[in-house]
Protein backbone atom coordinates (compact mmCIF):
# COMPACT_ATOMS: atom_id res chain seq x y z
CA MET A 1 38.16 -19.40 -9.93
CA PHE A 2 41.83 -18.60 -9.45
CA GLU A 3 43.91 -18.96 -6.30
CA SER A 4 47.08 -17.02 -7.10
CA ILE A 5 49.49 -15.75 -9.73
CA LYS A 6 53.26 -16.25 -9.48
CA ILE A 7 55.74 -14.11 -11.40
CA LYS A 8 59.47 -14.66 -11.79
CA GLY A 9 61.98 -13.04 -14.10
CA PHE A 10 59.51 -10.62 -15.72
CA ARG A 11 60.76 -7.03 -15.63
CA GLY A 12 61.51 -6.08 -12.01
CA PHE A 13 60.50 -9.46 -10.53
CA ALA A 14 63.91 -11.07 -10.05
CA ASP A 15 62.70 -13.54 -7.39
CA GLU A 16 59.42 -15.42 -7.59
CA GLN A 17 56.60 -13.42 -6.06
CA LYS A 18 53.07 -14.62 -5.33
CA LEU A 19 49.84 -12.64 -5.36
CA LYS A 20 46.92 -14.41 -3.68
CA LEU A 21 43.55 -13.60 -5.23
CA ALA A 22 40.45 -12.99 -3.15
CA LYS A 23 37.65 -15.47 -3.62
CA PRO A 24 33.97 -14.46 -3.32
CA TYR A 25 32.53 -15.71 -0.06
CA ASP A 26 28.94 -16.08 1.08
CA GLY A 27 27.68 -13.21 -1.06
CA LYS A 28 29.58 -10.60 0.96
CA ILE A 29 30.33 -7.34 -0.84
CA GLY A 30 33.95 -6.99 -1.89
CA SER A 31 34.85 -10.54 -0.87
CA GLY A 32 36.17 -11.31 -4.36
CA LEU A 33 38.13 -8.06 -4.72
CA THR A 34 41.94 -7.95 -4.91
CA VAL A 35 43.43 -4.44 -4.77
CA ILE A 36 47.06 -3.76 -5.66
CA VAL A 37 48.70 -0.59 -4.32
CA GLY A 38 52.20 0.79 -3.98
CA PRO A 39 54.50 3.56 -5.17
CA ASN A 40 55.36 4.21 -8.81
CA ASN A 41 57.80 1.83 -10.47
CA GLY A 42 57.05 -0.83 -7.89
CA GLY A 43 55.69 -3.49 -10.25
CA LYS A 44 51.91 -3.02 -10.25
CA SER A 45 51.65 -2.66 -14.03
CA THR A 46 53.87 -5.73 -14.51
CA ILE A 47 51.30 -7.79 -12.61
CA ILE A 48 48.50 -6.45 -14.81
CA GLU A 49 50.57 -7.21 -17.91
CA SER A 50 51.16 -10.75 -16.66
CA PHE A 51 47.41 -11.36 -16.55
CA LYS A 52 47.17 -9.90 -20.05
CA LEU A 53 49.79 -12.28 -21.42
CA LEU A 54 48.01 -15.27 -19.88
CA SER A 55 44.76 -14.22 -21.56
CA LEU A 56 46.21 -14.12 -25.09
CA ARG A 57 45.82 -17.03 -27.50
CA ASN A 58 48.64 -16.03 -29.79
CA GLU A 59 52.31 -16.77 -29.13
CA VAL A 60 54.11 -14.65 -26.56
CA SER A 61 57.76 -13.61 -26.68
CA PHE A 62 59.78 -11.82 -24.03
CA THR A 63 62.25 -9.24 -25.25
CA GLU A 64 65.70 -8.85 -23.78
CA GLY A 65 64.56 -5.82 -21.78
CA GLN A 66 61.60 -7.72 -20.31
CA ARG A 67 63.73 -10.58 -18.97
CA ASN A 68 65.40 -10.06 -15.60
CA ILE A 69 69.07 -11.02 -15.67
CA LYS A 70 69.10 -11.77 -11.93
CA SER A 71 66.57 -14.56 -12.47
CA GLY A 72 68.83 -16.32 -14.95
CA ASP A 73 67.44 -14.43 -17.97
CA ARG A 74 64.27 -16.55 -17.77
CA VAL A 75 60.60 -15.64 -17.33
CA GLU A 76 57.87 -17.74 -15.79
CA ILE A 77 54.29 -16.69 -15.03
CA LYS A 78 51.89 -19.16 -13.41
CA LEU A 79 48.21 -18.84 -12.53
CA SER A 80 46.75 -21.48 -10.21
CA SER A 81 43.11 -22.50 -9.96
CA PHE A 82 41.09 -22.91 -6.75
CA ASN A 83 38.85 -25.53 -8.29
CA ASP A 84 41.18 -28.36 -9.27
CA GLY A 85 44.65 -27.02 -8.55
CA SER A 86 45.44 -26.80 -12.26
CA THR A 87 48.10 -24.33 -13.41
CA TYR A 88 48.22 -22.12 -16.48
CA SER A 89 51.64 -20.82 -17.37
CA ILE A 90 53.97 -19.02 -19.75
CA LYS A 91 57.71 -19.54 -19.54
CA THR A 92 60.80 -19.07 -21.63
CA VAL A 93 62.14 -22.21 -23.27
CA SER A 94 65.79 -21.44 -22.61
CA ALA A 95 67.79 -18.84 -20.74
CA GLY A 96 68.65 -15.79 -22.78
CA GLY A 97 66.06 -16.53 -25.47
CA CYS A 98 62.73 -14.96 -26.35
CA GLU A 99 60.96 -18.21 -27.31
CA THR A 100 58.27 -19.34 -24.89
CA GLU A 101 55.92 -22.23 -24.21
CA LYS A 102 52.40 -21.67 -23.01
CA HIS A 103 49.97 -24.00 -21.26
CA GLY A 104 46.25 -23.25 -21.21
CA TYR A 105 43.95 -20.44 -22.31
CA LEU A 106 41.99 -18.45 -19.77
CA SER A 107 38.83 -16.38 -19.72
CA ILE A 108 40.38 -13.15 -18.45
CA THR A 109 39.32 -9.63 -19.36
CA VAL A 110 42.11 -7.07 -18.95
CA LEU A 111 41.51 -3.32 -19.24
CA PRO A 112 44.69 -1.21 -19.51
CA SER A 113 45.19 2.11 -17.76
CA ARG A 114 44.44 4.19 -20.85
CA ARG A 115 41.10 3.44 -22.49
CA PHE A 116 40.26 5.34 -25.67
CA PHE A 117 37.66 5.27 -28.41
CA THR A 118 38.80 6.96 -31.61
CA PRO A 119 36.06 9.45 -32.59
CA TYR A 120 35.70 7.97 -36.06
CA SER A 121 36.45 4.34 -36.84
CA ASN A 122 35.27 1.22 -38.63
CA GLU A 123 33.36 -1.42 -36.70
CA VAL A 124 35.21 -4.67 -36.15
CA SER A 125 33.35 -7.71 -37.42
CA TYR A 126 35.20 -10.53 -35.71
CA GLY A 127 34.03 -12.23 -32.53
CA GLN A 128 36.09 -12.94 -29.43
CA ASP A 129 37.09 -16.39 -30.60
CA GLN A 130 38.38 -15.06 -33.89
CA TRP A 131 39.89 -11.60 -33.64
CA PRO A 132 43.13 -12.52 -31.82
CA LEU A 133 43.96 -14.88 -34.68
CA GLN A 134 43.20 -12.43 -37.50
CA PRO A 135 45.90 -9.86 -38.32
CA ALA A 136 43.35 -7.61 -40.08
CA SER A 137 41.06 -7.54 -37.07
CA ILE A 138 43.95 -6.73 -34.73
CA LYS A 139 44.97 -3.84 -36.92
CA THR A 140 41.43 -2.48 -37.09
CA LEU A 141 40.88 -2.89 -33.35
CA GLN A 142 44.09 -1.05 -32.52
CA HIS A 143 43.08 1.74 -34.91
CA MET A 144 39.72 2.00 -33.23
CA LEU A 145 40.89 2.13 -29.62
CA GLU A 146 44.44 3.48 -29.85
CA PRO A 147 45.34 3.09 -26.16
CA ARG A 148 48.57 4.51 -24.79
CA GLY A 149 49.74 1.14 -23.57
CA GLN A 150 48.68 -2.43 -24.21
CA PRO A 151 45.57 -2.96 -26.39
CA ILE A 152 42.21 -3.39 -24.69
CA ASP A 153 41.27 -7.02 -24.28
CA ALA A 154 37.91 -6.89 -26.06
CA ASP A 155 35.97 -8.75 -28.67
CA ASP A 156 34.93 -6.34 -31.39
CA ASN A 157 34.45 -2.93 -29.91
CA ARG A 158 32.17 -3.78 -27.03
CA LEU A 159 30.46 -0.42 -27.06
CA PHE A 160 28.61 -1.44 -30.24
CA LYS A 161 26.99 -4.28 -28.30
CA VAL A 162 25.66 -2.19 -25.41
CA VAL A 163 24.07 0.65 -27.37
CA GLY A 164 20.52 0.92 -26.02
CA ASN A 165 21.19 -1.73 -23.36
CA GLU A 166 19.00 -0.70 -20.45
CA GLU A 167 21.02 -2.52 -17.81
CA PHE A 168 24.25 -0.94 -19.06
CA ASN A 169 22.76 2.54 -18.94
CA LYS A 170 21.42 1.97 -15.42
CA LEU A 171 24.87 0.95 -14.20
CA LEU A 172 26.40 3.99 -15.88
CA GLU A 173 23.77 6.23 -14.30
CA GLN A 174 24.53 4.67 -10.91
CA ILE A 175 28.08 6.02 -11.21
CA LEU A 176 27.42 9.34 -12.94
CA ASP A 177 24.31 10.25 -10.93
CA TYR A 178 22.61 11.25 -14.17
CA LYS A 179 21.42 9.49 -17.30
CA LEU A 180 23.91 9.75 -20.15
CA LYS A 181 22.25 9.84 -23.55
CA TRP A 182 24.62 8.26 -26.02
CA THR A 183 24.72 6.07 -29.09
CA VAL A 184 27.04 4.93 -31.85
CA ASP A 185 26.32 6.66 -35.15
CA LEU A 186 27.57 6.39 -38.74
CA SER A 187 28.98 9.49 -40.41
CA ASN A 188 28.53 10.40 -44.07
CA THR A 189 32.05 9.08 -44.66
CA ARG A 190 30.93 5.65 -43.42
CA GLU A 191 32.82 5.87 -40.13
CA TYR A 192 31.35 4.99 -36.73
CA TYR A 193 31.57 7.33 -33.75
CA VAL A 194 30.17 7.73 -30.23
CA LYS A 195 27.56 10.51 -30.10
CA ILE A 196 26.46 12.23 -26.89
CA THR A 197 23.07 13.93 -27.01
CA ASN A 198 22.61 15.28 -23.44
CA ASN A 199 23.42 18.89 -24.32
CA GLY A 200 23.40 18.93 -28.08
CA ASP A 201 25.14 16.41 -30.31
CA HIS A 202 28.89 16.02 -30.10
CA ASP A 203 31.18 13.11 -30.85
CA SER A 204 33.59 11.15 -28.69
CA ASP A 205 36.39 13.57 -29.49
CA GLY A 206 34.74 15.91 -26.99
CA LEU A 207 34.33 13.31 -24.24
CA GLY A 208 36.48 13.52 -21.13
CA GLU A 209 39.02 10.75 -20.70
CA GLY A 210 37.40 9.60 -17.46
CA LEU A 211 33.98 9.18 -19.09
CA VAL A 212 35.45 7.24 -22.02
CA SER A 213 37.21 5.00 -19.52
CA LEU A 214 33.95 4.46 -17.63
CA LEU A 215 32.19 3.21 -20.75
CA PHE A 216 34.65 0.34 -21.06
CA ILE A 217 34.74 -0.44 -17.32
CA VAL A 218 30.95 -0.52 -17.00
CA GLU A 219 30.68 -2.75 -20.06
CA ALA A 220 33.18 -5.17 -18.53
CA LEU A 221 31.32 -5.16 -15.20
CA LEU A 222 28.02 -5.73 -16.99
CA ASN A 223 29.36 -8.90 -18.61
CA GLN A 224 31.33 -10.09 -15.59
CA SER A 225 30.41 -13.57 -14.36
CA PRO A 226 31.71 -15.99 -11.70
CA ASP A 227 33.67 -17.99 -14.29
CA LYS A 228 35.60 -14.92 -15.52
CA LEU A 229 38.42 -12.89 -14.03
CA LEU A 230 38.30 -9.12 -14.57
CA VAL A 231 41.59 -7.21 -14.27
CA ILE A 232 41.73 -3.39 -14.46
CA ASP A 233 44.71 -1.06 -14.36
CA GLU A 234 43.90 2.24 -12.63
CA PRO A 235 40.08 2.25 -12.79
CA GLU A 236 40.08 5.69 -11.14
CA LEU A 237 41.93 7.36 -14.01
CA SER A 238 40.64 10.91 -14.70
CA LEU A 239 37.58 10.38 -12.51
CA HIS A 240 36.31 12.86 -9.94
CA PRO A 241 36.64 11.49 -6.36
CA GLN A 242 32.85 11.17 -6.02
CA LEU A 243 32.69 9.14 -9.24
CA GLN A 244 35.52 6.98 -7.92
CA ARG A 245 33.46 6.24 -4.82
CA ASN A 246 30.41 5.45 -6.96
CA LEU A 247 32.47 3.17 -9.18
CA LEU A 248 33.87 1.40 -6.12
CA ASP A 249 30.33 0.73 -4.86
CA LEU A 250 29.49 -0.97 -8.16
CA ILE A 251 32.72 -2.99 -8.12
CA LEU A 252 32.09 -4.09 -4.53
CA GLU A 253 28.63 -5.29 -5.52
CA LYS A 254 29.95 -7.22 -8.54
CA SER A 255 32.77 -8.81 -6.53
CA LYS A 256 30.25 -10.54 -4.27
CA GLU A 257 30.10 -13.35 -6.82
CA SER A 258 33.09 -12.89 -9.13
CA GLN A 259 36.81 -12.17 -8.94
CA ILE A 260 37.99 -8.65 -9.74
CA VAL A 261 41.57 -7.42 -9.56
CA TYR A 262 42.76 -3.86 -10.02
CA ALA A 263 45.86 -1.75 -9.44
CA THR A 264 45.24 1.75 -8.18
CA HIS A 265 46.88 4.97 -7.02
CA SER A 266 43.73 6.26 -5.32
CA PRO A 267 42.86 5.83 -1.62
CA GLU A 268 39.22 6.23 -2.68
CA MET A 269 39.47 2.81 -4.35
CA VAL A 270 40.55 1.03 -1.15
CA SER A 271 37.65 -0.44 0.82
CA ILE A 272 38.26 -1.51 4.42
CA ASP A 273 34.83 -3.21 4.45
CA ALA A 274 35.87 -5.35 1.48
CA ILE A 275 39.03 -6.45 3.32
CA LEU A 276 37.01 -7.34 6.42
CA ASN A 277 34.67 -9.39 4.22
CA GLY A 278 37.51 -11.47 2.78
CA GLY A 279 38.85 -9.22 0.02
CA THR A 280 42.57 -8.57 -0.02
CA LEU A 281 45.04 -5.72 -0.33
CA ALA A 282 48.54 -6.20 -1.73
CA ARG A 283 51.40 -3.70 -1.77
CA VAL A 284 54.05 -3.94 -4.49
CA VAL A 285 57.37 -2.16 -3.98
CA ASN A 286 60.87 -2.18 -5.42
CA GLN A 287 63.40 -0.88 -2.93
CA GLY A 288 66.42 -1.72 -5.04
CA ASN A 289 66.31 -5.49 -4.61
CA GLY A 290 63.59 -6.28 -7.14
CA SER A 291 59.80 -6.03 -7.02
CA LYS A 292 58.25 -7.62 -3.95
CA ILE A 293 54.61 -8.39 -3.20
CA TYR A 294 53.39 -7.97 0.38
CA GLN A 295 49.83 -8.82 1.31
CA LEU A 296 47.46 -8.46 4.23
CA ASN A 297 47.14 -11.74 6.12
CA GLU A 298 44.51 -12.97 8.53
CA LYS A 299 46.43 -11.56 11.51
CA SER A 300 46.45 -8.07 10.03
CA ARG A 301 42.81 -8.44 8.97
CA ASN A 302 41.94 -9.18 12.61
CA CYS A 303 43.82 -6.01 13.59
CA LEU A 304 41.66 -4.05 11.18
CA ARG A 305 38.60 -5.44 12.93
CA LYS A 306 39.77 -3.70 16.13
CA PHE A 307 38.90 -0.40 14.46
CA ASP A 308 35.63 -1.49 12.90
CA GLY A 309 32.75 0.44 14.42
CA ASP A 310 34.96 2.69 16.58
CA LEU A 311 32.59 5.67 16.84
CA PHE A 312 35.13 7.74 18.77
CA ASN A 313 37.89 7.35 16.18
CA PRO A 314 36.23 6.94 12.78
CA HIS A 315 39.16 8.74 11.13
CA VAL A 316 41.79 6.06 11.91
CA PHE A 317 41.36 4.41 8.52
CA GLY A 318 40.04 7.44 6.70
CA TYR A 319 41.43 8.88 3.48
CA ASP A 320 44.72 10.06 5.01
CA ALA A 321 45.44 6.70 6.60
CA ARG A 322 44.59 4.76 3.43
CA SER A 323 46.94 7.10 1.56
CA CYS A 324 49.80 5.66 3.61
CA PHE A 325 49.38 2.29 1.90
CA PHE A 326 50.68 3.95 -1.26
CA GLU A 327 53.82 5.37 0.35
CA ASP A 328 57.28 4.14 -0.52
CA ASP A 329 58.28 3.71 3.14
CA LYS A 330 59.11 5.71 6.29
CA LEU A 331 56.04 6.34 8.46
CA VAL A 332 55.63 7.68 11.98
CA VAL A 333 52.70 6.32 14.01
CA VAL A 334 51.41 8.45 16.90
CA GLU A 335 48.55 8.06 19.34
CA GLY A 336 46.01 10.59 18.12
CA GLN A 337 45.03 13.40 15.82
CA GLU A 338 46.25 16.14 18.19
CA ASP A 339 49.71 14.61 18.10
CA VAL A 340 49.75 14.81 14.29
CA MET A 341 48.61 18.44 14.24
CA PHE A 342 50.98 19.69 16.95
CA LEU A 343 53.95 17.69 15.66
CA ARG A 344 53.49 19.17 12.19
CA LYS A 345 53.39 22.61 13.80
CA ALA A 346 56.53 21.82 15.80
CA LEU A 347 58.46 20.80 12.67
CA LYS A 348 57.61 24.18 11.14
CA ASP A 349 58.25 26.23 14.30
CA LEU A 350 61.61 24.55 14.95
CA GLY A 351 62.72 24.88 11.33
CA ILE A 352 63.15 21.14 10.75
CA ASN A 353 63.14 20.92 6.97
CA LYS A 354 62.80 17.18 6.51
CA LYS A 355 59.25 16.03 5.88
CA ILE A 356 57.83 13.44 8.27
CA ARG A 357 54.89 11.36 7.04
CA PHE A 358 52.47 10.42 9.79
CA PHE A 359 50.09 7.50 9.60
CA GLY A 360 46.79 9.26 8.97
CA PHE A 361 45.64 11.12 12.06
CA GLY A 362 46.96 8.69 14.62
CA ALA A 363 46.13 5.22 15.85
CA GLY A 364 43.27 6.23 18.11
CA GLY A 365 45.18 5.59 21.35
CA ALA A 366 48.43 4.14 22.68
CA ASP A 367 46.98 0.64 22.95
CA LYS A 368 46.09 0.59 19.25
CA ILE A 369 49.54 1.43 17.90
CA LYS A 370 50.47 -2.25 17.98
CA PHE A 371 47.57 -3.04 15.64
CA ILE A 372 48.68 -0.39 13.14
CA VAL A 373 52.28 -1.66 13.04
CA THR A 374 51.03 -5.24 12.58
CA ILE A 375 49.21 -4.09 9.45
CA LEU A 376 52.20 -2.08 8.21
CA GLU A 377 54.54 -5.03 8.78
CA SER A 378 52.35 -7.34 6.67
CA LEU A 379 52.45 -4.76 3.85
CA GLY A 380 56.24 -4.73 3.85
CA PHE A 381 56.98 -1.37 5.47
CA GLU A 382 60.56 -1.47 6.72
CA LYS A 383 61.05 1.95 8.32
CA VAL A 384 58.37 2.75 10.89
CA CYS A 385 58.66 4.78 14.09
CA CYS A 386 56.12 4.58 16.91
CA LEU A 387 55.95 7.74 19.03
CA TYR A 388 54.13 7.43 22.35
CA ASP A 389 53.11 10.04 24.89
CA GLY A 390 55.50 10.41 27.80
CA ASP A 391 53.05 9.05 30.37
CA VAL A 392 52.85 5.61 28.70
CA ASP A 393 54.52 2.92 30.80
CA ILE A 394 57.90 2.00 29.29
CA LYS A 395 57.15 -1.65 30.04
CA LYS A 396 54.11 -1.47 27.76
CA ILE A 397 56.21 0.08 25.00
CA ASN A 398 58.96 -2.50 25.35
CA LYS A 399 56.40 -5.28 25.04
CA VAL A 400 55.44 -3.95 21.59
CA ARG A 401 59.11 -3.30 20.76
CA ARG A 402 59.96 -6.96 21.31
CA LYS A 403 57.33 -7.98 18.76
CA PHE A 404 58.62 -5.50 16.18
CA PRO A 405 62.39 -5.16 16.76
CA GLN A 406 62.88 -3.79 13.23
CA TYR A 407 60.93 -0.63 14.05
CA GLY A 408 61.80 2.42 16.15
CA PHE A 409 60.08 3.33 19.43
CA LYS A 410 60.18 6.75 21.08
CA ARG A 411 58.45 8.66 23.89
CA LEU A 412 57.67 12.35 24.16
CA ASN A 413 59.66 14.15 26.86
CA ALA A 414 56.38 15.19 28.55
CA ASP A 415 53.14 13.48 29.53
CA ASP A 416 51.35 14.69 26.40
CA ILE A 417 51.82 16.90 23.36
CA ARG A 418 49.91 19.75 25.06
CA ASP A 419 48.61 20.74 28.47
CA LYS A 420 45.30 19.12 29.31
CA GLU A 421 43.09 20.04 32.22
CA CYS A 422 41.23 17.48 34.24
CA ARG A 423 38.06 16.56 32.41
CA VAL A 424 36.16 16.18 35.70
CA TYR A 425 37.59 19.38 37.19
CA ASP A 426 34.26 21.22 37.21
CA LYS A 427 32.37 18.32 38.75
CA CYS A 428 33.82 18.69 42.22
CA SER A 429 34.23 22.05 43.93
CA ASN A 430 37.08 20.71 46.06
CA LEU A 431 39.44 19.88 43.19
CA LEU A 432 41.08 23.27 42.85
CA ASP A 433 44.51 24.09 41.43
CA GLY A 434 46.09 20.81 42.37
CA SER A 435 44.92 20.81 45.98
CA LYS A 436 45.45 17.61 47.84
CA CYS A 437 42.49 15.31 48.15
CA LYS A 438 42.86 15.40 51.92
CA ASP A 439 41.58 18.98 51.79
CA CYS A 440 38.26 17.68 50.49
CA LYS A 441 35.60 17.40 53.20
CA ASP A 442 34.16 14.31 51.49
CA MET A 443 37.53 12.54 51.48
CA LYS A 444 37.85 13.10 55.20
CA GLN A 445 34.73 11.02 55.65
CA GLY A 446 36.06 8.27 53.41
CA ILE A 447 36.48 7.65 49.69
CA GLU A 448 32.99 6.26 49.41
CA PHE A 449 31.59 9.70 50.28
CA CYS A 450 33.54 11.58 47.57
CA LEU A 451 31.12 13.16 45.11
CA CYS A 452 33.68 13.51 42.31
CA GLU A 453 33.25 11.17 39.33
CA CYS A 454 37.02 10.81 38.92
CA GLU A 455 38.16 7.29 39.76
CA ASN A 456 41.70 8.57 40.39
CA VAL A 457 40.78 10.65 43.46
CA VAL A 458 41.81 7.87 45.83
CA ASP A 459 44.33 7.30 48.60
CA LYS A 460 44.89 11.05 49.06
CA LYS A 461 46.96 11.31 45.83
CA ARG A 462 47.61 14.74 44.41
CA CYS A 463 45.49 15.81 41.43
CA GLU A 464 48.61 16.16 39.31
CA SER A 465 49.02 12.39 39.34
CA CYS A 466 45.61 11.92 37.77
CA ARG A 467 45.63 10.77 34.14
CA HIS A 468 42.90 13.33 33.39
CA MET A 469 45.35 16.18 34.00
CA LYS A 470 48.47 16.13 31.83
CA ILE A 471 51.48 18.39 31.49
CA GLY A 472 52.30 18.86 27.81
CA ILE A 473 55.07 20.21 25.57
CA PHE A 474 52.79 22.92 24.14
CA ASN A 475 51.07 25.42 26.42
CA LYS A 476 47.49 26.63 26.04
CA SER A 477 48.66 29.33 23.60
CA GLY A 478 50.05 26.72 21.22
CA GLU A 479 53.70 27.51 21.98
CA ILE A 480 56.47 25.10 22.88
CA LYS A 481 57.46 25.52 26.52
CA ASN A 482 61.06 26.54 27.05
CA ASP A 483 61.64 23.81 29.64
CA TYR A 484 60.75 21.10 27.11
CA LYS A 485 62.08 22.69 23.93
CA PRO A 486 65.70 21.34 23.91
CA GLY A 487 64.73 17.72 24.52
CA PHE A 488 61.73 17.91 22.18
CA GLU A 489 63.77 19.46 19.37
CA SER A 490 66.46 16.80 19.77
CA LEU A 491 63.81 14.05 19.62
CA LEU A 492 62.25 15.40 16.43
CA ASN A 493 65.65 15.83 14.75
CA ARG A 494 66.51 12.19 15.49
CA ILE A 495 63.18 11.02 14.08
CA ALA A 496 63.53 13.23 11.00
CA ALA A 497 67.08 12.01 10.35
CA LYS A 498 66.01 8.36 10.21
CA TYR A 499 62.35 8.47 9.13
CA GLY A 500 62.11 11.79 7.31
CA CYS A 501 62.37 12.45 3.60
């Protein structure tokens, strides 16, 4: 199994960058899964292409446009093994030249982002050990698959080998939720084609792109073994979200015992459970200084565990939060989902045109913001603002600020985003309209006689000082209060100016 891949000088990778690969552990689902995310043009496809180049037996050359000038016009790609520390590499012989030297051949299957099967084609007759060395077989294979990108790393056309394979069809049915009836047939013109017979015969020219892609992915997963590395670019391509989730379940199961790497643009393909089980998530970005790889570490994985099983805030790492991993930068982290909803409303009501991207639907409380920013820091986010409610102790905020001096920290100019009544108001008849506790007959007899379940009704404090009753920026009608509007508008404009887009 493989420990990491290092890339330097290839396309946007000016400086050497390292991607650590997850290693299957103790049969836990997803433990061998490495997921690569990030914005477009960050460098995800370059990583996939690097694996592809390492898998080829034929000579590799790097064109002038593929070599990064800032790295000395040289390219070096290295893959290290867990087992014996051995390294497999490709590197340019001399600066400014396309000639390379290669050390080692690896058992890596790479599926590009566009996977096609030409409706009519000739079957390839060469095996895996032979076709890369045979010009005729390469030509025929490219004619058969015709991907928009790099050729599929396959021996023959693998679909010929799984026709009628019961295990293959079961895996496909597991994703599709129905049994696909298909075969490879031979036309009268002696050309092979994929034939679907579920609702009348039709050939592969009528198949959706997502289904064609699935055929290749499922075949690769079927033949995946612990001694092989499977690399996929955009496995979610043209798939319905439900099929993406079904595909992820199959991948998680297969990555219990083998290493699987994929780059994705879909939050549906990010599994928090896999990360907690030892899988890894890497974010690749290029913010003008070359492609950089940032990866979740053990510290950030422990922060994720803080949210595991939180029944009161199951949304914290839901779809919207996972979507943030794909952002370029600039995120605002707030305490809860009400903050997100009312702040979005405020931006519209106040006519603030800049868009502010919030982390999901909040952190699930002020105390959990520090865990979110720990995760964002490990993934290389540079512009993050943490916005707390106004009743949070400034000392608590400054403690987090000292740990993350690169980020911004703000407080609302009110206790909360909206007015909130005391949650135990109706449990004691003496807590009326902010009356003092001393007016309560039970308090006169001593705190131990008070029948209210509110722990803050002590020492004759006024009800307004209770954390259960908060004065907010929005009133009960969902309007911004005039007293708070100037300060609130100024706060949002400052946040939008620095963290908006």
